[in-house]
Amino acid sequence: MRLLLATLLLAFVVGIQAQWYMFPVEAAQGAGDMWHAYSDMKEANWKNSDKYFHARGNYDAAQRGPGGRWVAEVISDARENWQGNSGRGHEDSAADQVANRWGQEGNDPNHFRPAGLPDKY
């Protein structure tokens, strides 16, 4: 019984440490996903596509794991707080946050995809 308990405890501790080790890697990869979606949004320059790219960047980052979800929240919240405080529109920031959360929760970003957006994106 003690051996079984010790084995379970060891497996639990090793599992936690493995997740801790991957957190910064996932965060870095998630930041890259967010940057890639932002770059694609600028390149596409497509009317009414910003919510899609917000959702897609957050979705891609969140798929990396806890570190990716964390960095998606931090980047999204910082951007929307800056945008909201710079006089660029609280309503638009609130709508962007809906798309951000949609992606962070693992929902399909194509929900926000505008008609006619090239398949490249």
C-alpha atoms as a PDB file:
ATOM      1  CA  MET A   1       0.000   0.000   0.000  1.00  0.00           C
ATOM      2  CA  ARG A   2       2.810   2.414   0.833  1.00  0.00           C
ATOM      3  CA  LEU A   3       4.532   1.641  -2.451  1.00  0.00           C
ATOM      4  CA  LEU A   4       1.334   2.372  -4.377  1.00  0.00           C
ATOM      5  CA  LEU A   5       0.818   5.638  -2.486  1.00  0.00           C
ATOM      6  CA  ALA A   6       4.438   6.679  -3.045  1.00  0.00           C
ATOM      7  CA  THR A   7       4.163   5.882  -6.767  1.00  0.00           C
ATOM      8  CA  LEU A   8       0.982   7.920  -7.134  1.00  0.00           C
ATOM      9  CA  LEU A   9       2.513  10.842  -5.262  1.00  0.00           C
ATOM     10  CA  LEU A  10       5.649  10.715  -7.408  1.00  0.00           C
ATOM     11  CA  ALA A  11       3.579  10.607 -10.608  1.00  0.00           C
ATOM     12  CA  PHE A  12       1.576  13.604  -9.394  1.00  0.00           C
ATOM     13  CA  VAL A  13       4.690  15.637  -8.530  1.00  0.00           C
ATOM     14  CA  VAL A  14       6.420  14.788 -11.818  1.00  0.00           C
ATOM     15  CA  GLY A  15       3.242  15.734 -13.711  1.00  0.00           C
ATOM     16  CA  ILE A  16       3.069  19.127 -12.020  1.00  0.00           C
ATOM     17  CA  GLN A  17       6.726  19.816 -12.673  1.00  0.00           C
ATOM     18  CA  ALA A  18       6.353  18.849 -16.328  1.00  0.00           C
ATOM     19  CA  GLN A  19       3.491  21.314 -16.732  1.00  0.00           C
ATOM     20  CA  TRP A  20       5.493  24.037 -15.004  1.00  0.00           C
ATOM     21  CA  TYR A  21       8.397  23.446 -17.371  1.00  0.00           C
ATOM     22  CA  MET A  22       6.182  23.741 -20.462  1.00  0.00           C
ATOM     23  CA  PHE A  23       4.341  26.886 -19.340  1.00  0.00           C
ATOM     24  CA  PRO A  24       6.945  29.401 -20.582  1.00  0.00           C
ATOM     25  CA  VAL A  25       7.382  27.482 -23.854  1.00  0.00           C
ATOM     26  CA  GLU A  26       3.629  27.479 -24.438  1.00  0.00           C
ATOM     27  CA  ALA A  27       3.470  31.181 -23.586  1.00  0.00           C
ATOM     28  CA  ALA A  28       6.217  32.037 -26.077  1.00  0.00           C
ATOM     29  CA  GLN A  29       4.582  29.951 -28.792  1.00  0.00           C
ATOM     30  CA  GLY A  30       1.198  31.498 -27.992  1.00  0.00           C
ATOM     31  CA  ALA A  31       2.658  35.000 -28.290  1.00  0.00           C
ATOM     32  CA  GLY A  32       3.937  33.970 -31.717  1.00  0.00           C
ATOM     33  CA  ASP A  33       0.444  32.771 -32.646  1.00  0.00           C
ATOM     34  CA  MET A  34      -1.011  36.111 -31.592  1.00  0.00           C
ATOM     35  CA  TRP A  35       1.603  37.986 -33.644  1.00  0.00           C
ATOM     36  CA  HIS A  36       0.949  35.777 -36.678  1.00  0.00           C
ATOM     37  CA  ALA A  37      -2.799  36.495 -36.528  1.00  0.00           C
ATOM     38  CA  TYR A  38      -2.111  40.234 -36.171  1.00  0.00           C
ATOM     39  CA  SER A  39       0.256  40.163 -39.158  1.00  0.00           C
ATOM     40  CA  ASP A  40      -2.313  38.283 -41.223  1.00  0.00           C
ATOM     41  CA  MET A  41      -4.979  40.827 -40.272  1.00  0.00           C
ATOM     42  CA  LYS A  42      -2.779  43.693 -41.453  1.00  0.00           C
ATOM     43  CA  GLU A  43      -1.841  41.850 -44.641  1.00  0.00           C
ATOM     44  CA  ALA A  44      -5.431  40.856 -45.467  1.00  0.00           C
ATOM     45  CA  ASN A  45      -6.737  44.384 -44.859  1.00  0.00           C
ATOM     46  CA  TRP A  46     -10.253  42.921 -45.200  1.00  0.00           C
ATOM     47  CA  LYS A  47     -13.354  44.824 -44.140  1.00  0.00           C
ATOM     48  CA  ASN A  48     -15.012  43.491 -40.950  1.00  0.00           C
ATOM     49  CA  SER A  49     -12.319  40.843 -40.394  1.00  0.00           C
ATOM     50  CA  ASP A  50     -10.790  42.079 -37.142  1.00  0.00           C
ATOM     51  CA  LYS A  51     -13.037  39.959 -34.899  1.00  0.00           C
ATOM     52  CA  TYR A  52     -12.100  36.842 -36.886  1.00  0.00           C
ATOM     53  CA  PHE A  53      -8.380  37.522 -36.459  1.00  0.00           C
ATOM     54  CA  HIS A  54      -8.847  38.271 -32.758  1.00  0.00           C
ATOM     55  CA  ALA A  55     -10.646  34.950 -32.297  1.00  0.00           C
ATOM     56  CA  ARG A  56      -8.109  33.066 -34.420  1.00  0.00           C
ATOM     57  CA  GLY A  57      -5.044  34.414 -32.630  1.00  0.00           C
ATOM     58  CA  ASN A  58      -6.540  33.647 -29.227  1.00  0.00           C
ATOM     59  CA  TYR A  59      -7.706  30.211 -30.369  1.00  0.00           C
ATOM     60  CA  ASP A  60      -4.286  29.258 -31.771  1.00  0.00           C
ATOM     61  CA  ALA A  61      -2.505  30.468 -28.634  1.00  0.00           C
ATOM     62  CA  ALA A  62      -4.946  28.693 -26.295  1.00  0.00           C
ATOM     63  CA  GLN A  63      -4.416  25.415 -28.141  1.00  0.00           C
ATOM     64  CA  ARG A  64      -0.787  25.475 -26.926  1.00  0.00           C
ATOM     65  CA  GLY A  65      -1.885  24.780 -23.353  1.00  0.00           C
ATOM     66  CA  PRO A  66      -2.082  26.771 -20.108  1.00  0.00           C
ATOM     67  CA  GLY A  67       0.844  29.029 -21.024  1.00  0.00           C
ATOM     68  CA  GLY A  68      -0.717  29.877 -24.366  1.00  0.00           C
ATOM     69  CA  ARG A  69      -4.105  30.610 -22.798  1.00  0.00           C
ATOM     70  CA  TRP A  70      -2.432  32.827 -20.226  1.00  0.00           C
ATOM     71  CA  VAL A  71      -0.466  34.858 -22.761  1.00  0.00           C
ATOM     72  CA  ALA A  72      -3.557  35.209 -24.983  1.00  0.00           C
ATOM     73  CA  GLU A  73      -5.454  36.724 -22.047  1.00  0.00           C
ATOM     74  CA  VAL A  74      -2.580  39.032 -21.078  1.00  0.00           C
ATOM     75  CA  ILE A  75      -2.001  40.312 -24.624  1.00  0.00           C
ATOM     76  CA  SER A  76      -5.713  40.691 -25.386  1.00  0.00           C
ATOM     77  CA  ASP A  77      -6.505  42.450 -22.126  1.00  0.00           C
ATOM     78  CA  ALA A  78      -3.530  44.806 -22.468  1.00  0.00           C
ATOM     79  CA  ARG A  79      -4.421  45.701 -26.038  1.00  0.00           C
ATOM     80  CA  GLU A  80      -8.078  46.301 -25.298  1.00  0.00           C
ATOM     81  CA  ASN A  81      -7.314  48.301 -22.140  1.00  0.00           C
ATOM     82  CA  TRP A  82      -4.945  50.496 -24.138  1.00  0.00           C
ATOM     83  CA  GLN A  83      -7.454  50.885 -26.981  1.00  0.00           C
ATOM     84  CA  GLY A  84     -10.322  51.644 -24.616  1.00  0.00           C
ATOM     85  CA  ASN A  85      -8.311  54.223 -22.685  1.00  0.00           C
ATOM     86  CA  SER A  86      -6.948  55.915 -25.809  1.00  0.00           C
ATOM     87  CA  GLY A  87     -10.382  57.117 -26.871  1.00  0.00           C
ATOM     88  CA  ARG A  88     -10.695  54.648 -29.739  1.00  0.00           C
ATOM     89  CA  GLY A  89     -14.044  53.281 -28.604  1.00  0.00           C
ATOM     90  CA  HIS A  90     -15.173  51.230 -25.647  1.00  0.00           C
ATOM     91  CA  GLU A  91     -17.850  49.513 -27.734  1.00  0.00           C
ATOM     92  CA  ASP A  92     -15.308  48.201 -30.234  1.00  0.00           C
ATOM     93  CA  SER A  93     -13.036  47.040 -27.406  1.00  0.00           C
ATOM     94  CA  ALA A  94     -15.927  45.182 -25.790  1.00  0.00           C
ATOM     95  CA  ALA A  95     -16.752  43.489 -29.121  1.00  0.00           C
ATOM     96  CA  ASP A  96     -13.092  42.563 -29.581  1.00  0.00           C
ATOM     97  CA  GLN A  97     -13.057  41.013 -26.099  1.00  0.00           C
ATOM     98  CA  VAL A  98     -16.050  38.843 -27.019  1.00  0.00           C
ATOM     99  CA  ALA A  99     -14.038  37.501 -29.972  1.00  0.00           C
ATOM    100  CA  ASN A 100     -10.935  37.138 -27.792  1.00  0.00           C
ATOM    101  CA  ARG A 101     -12.773  35.088 -25.164  1.00  0.00           C
ATOM    102  CA  TRP A 102     -14.460  33.013 -27.876  1.00  0.00           C
ATOM    103  CA  GLY A 103     -11.047  31.931 -29.154  1.00  0.00           C
ATOM    104  CA  GLN A 104      -9.527  31.467 -25.702  1.00  0.00           C
ATOM    105  CA  GLU A 105     -12.342  29.081 -24.803  1.00  0.00           C
ATOM    106  CA  GLY A 106     -11.479  26.889 -27.791  1.00  0.00           C
ATOM    107  CA  ASN A 107     -14.456  27.843 -29.935  1.00  0.00           C
ATOM    108  CA  ASP A 108     -14.156  27.891 -33.730  1.00  0.00           C
ATOM    109  CA  PRO A 109     -12.824  31.287 -34.894  1.00  0.00           C
ATOM    110  CA  ASN A 110     -14.651  30.840 -38.214  1.00  0.00           C
ATOM    111  CA  HIS A 111     -17.772  31.961 -36.344  1.00  0.00           C
ATOM    112  CA  PHE A 112     -16.445  35.509 -36.929  1.00  0.00           C
ATOM    113  CA  ARG A 113     -15.072  34.916 -40.449  1.00  0.00           C
ATOM    114  CA  PRO A 114     -16.338  37.552 -42.897  1.00  0.00           C
ATOM    115  CA  ALA A 115     -17.746  36.531 -46.260  1.00  0.00           C
ATOM    116  CA  GLY A 116     -15.172  36.475 -49.039  1.00  0.00           C
ATOM    117  CA  LEU A 117     -12.052  36.436 -46.849  1.00  0.00           C
ATOM    118  CA  PRO A 118      -9.453  34.489 -48.871  1.00  0.00           C
ATOM    119  CA  ASP A 119      -8.850  30.877 -47.811  1.00  0.00           C
ATOM    120  CA  LYS A 120      -5.199  31.777 -47.145  1.00  0.00           C
ATOM    121  CA  TYR A 121      -6.405  33.165 -43.806  1.00  0.00           C
END
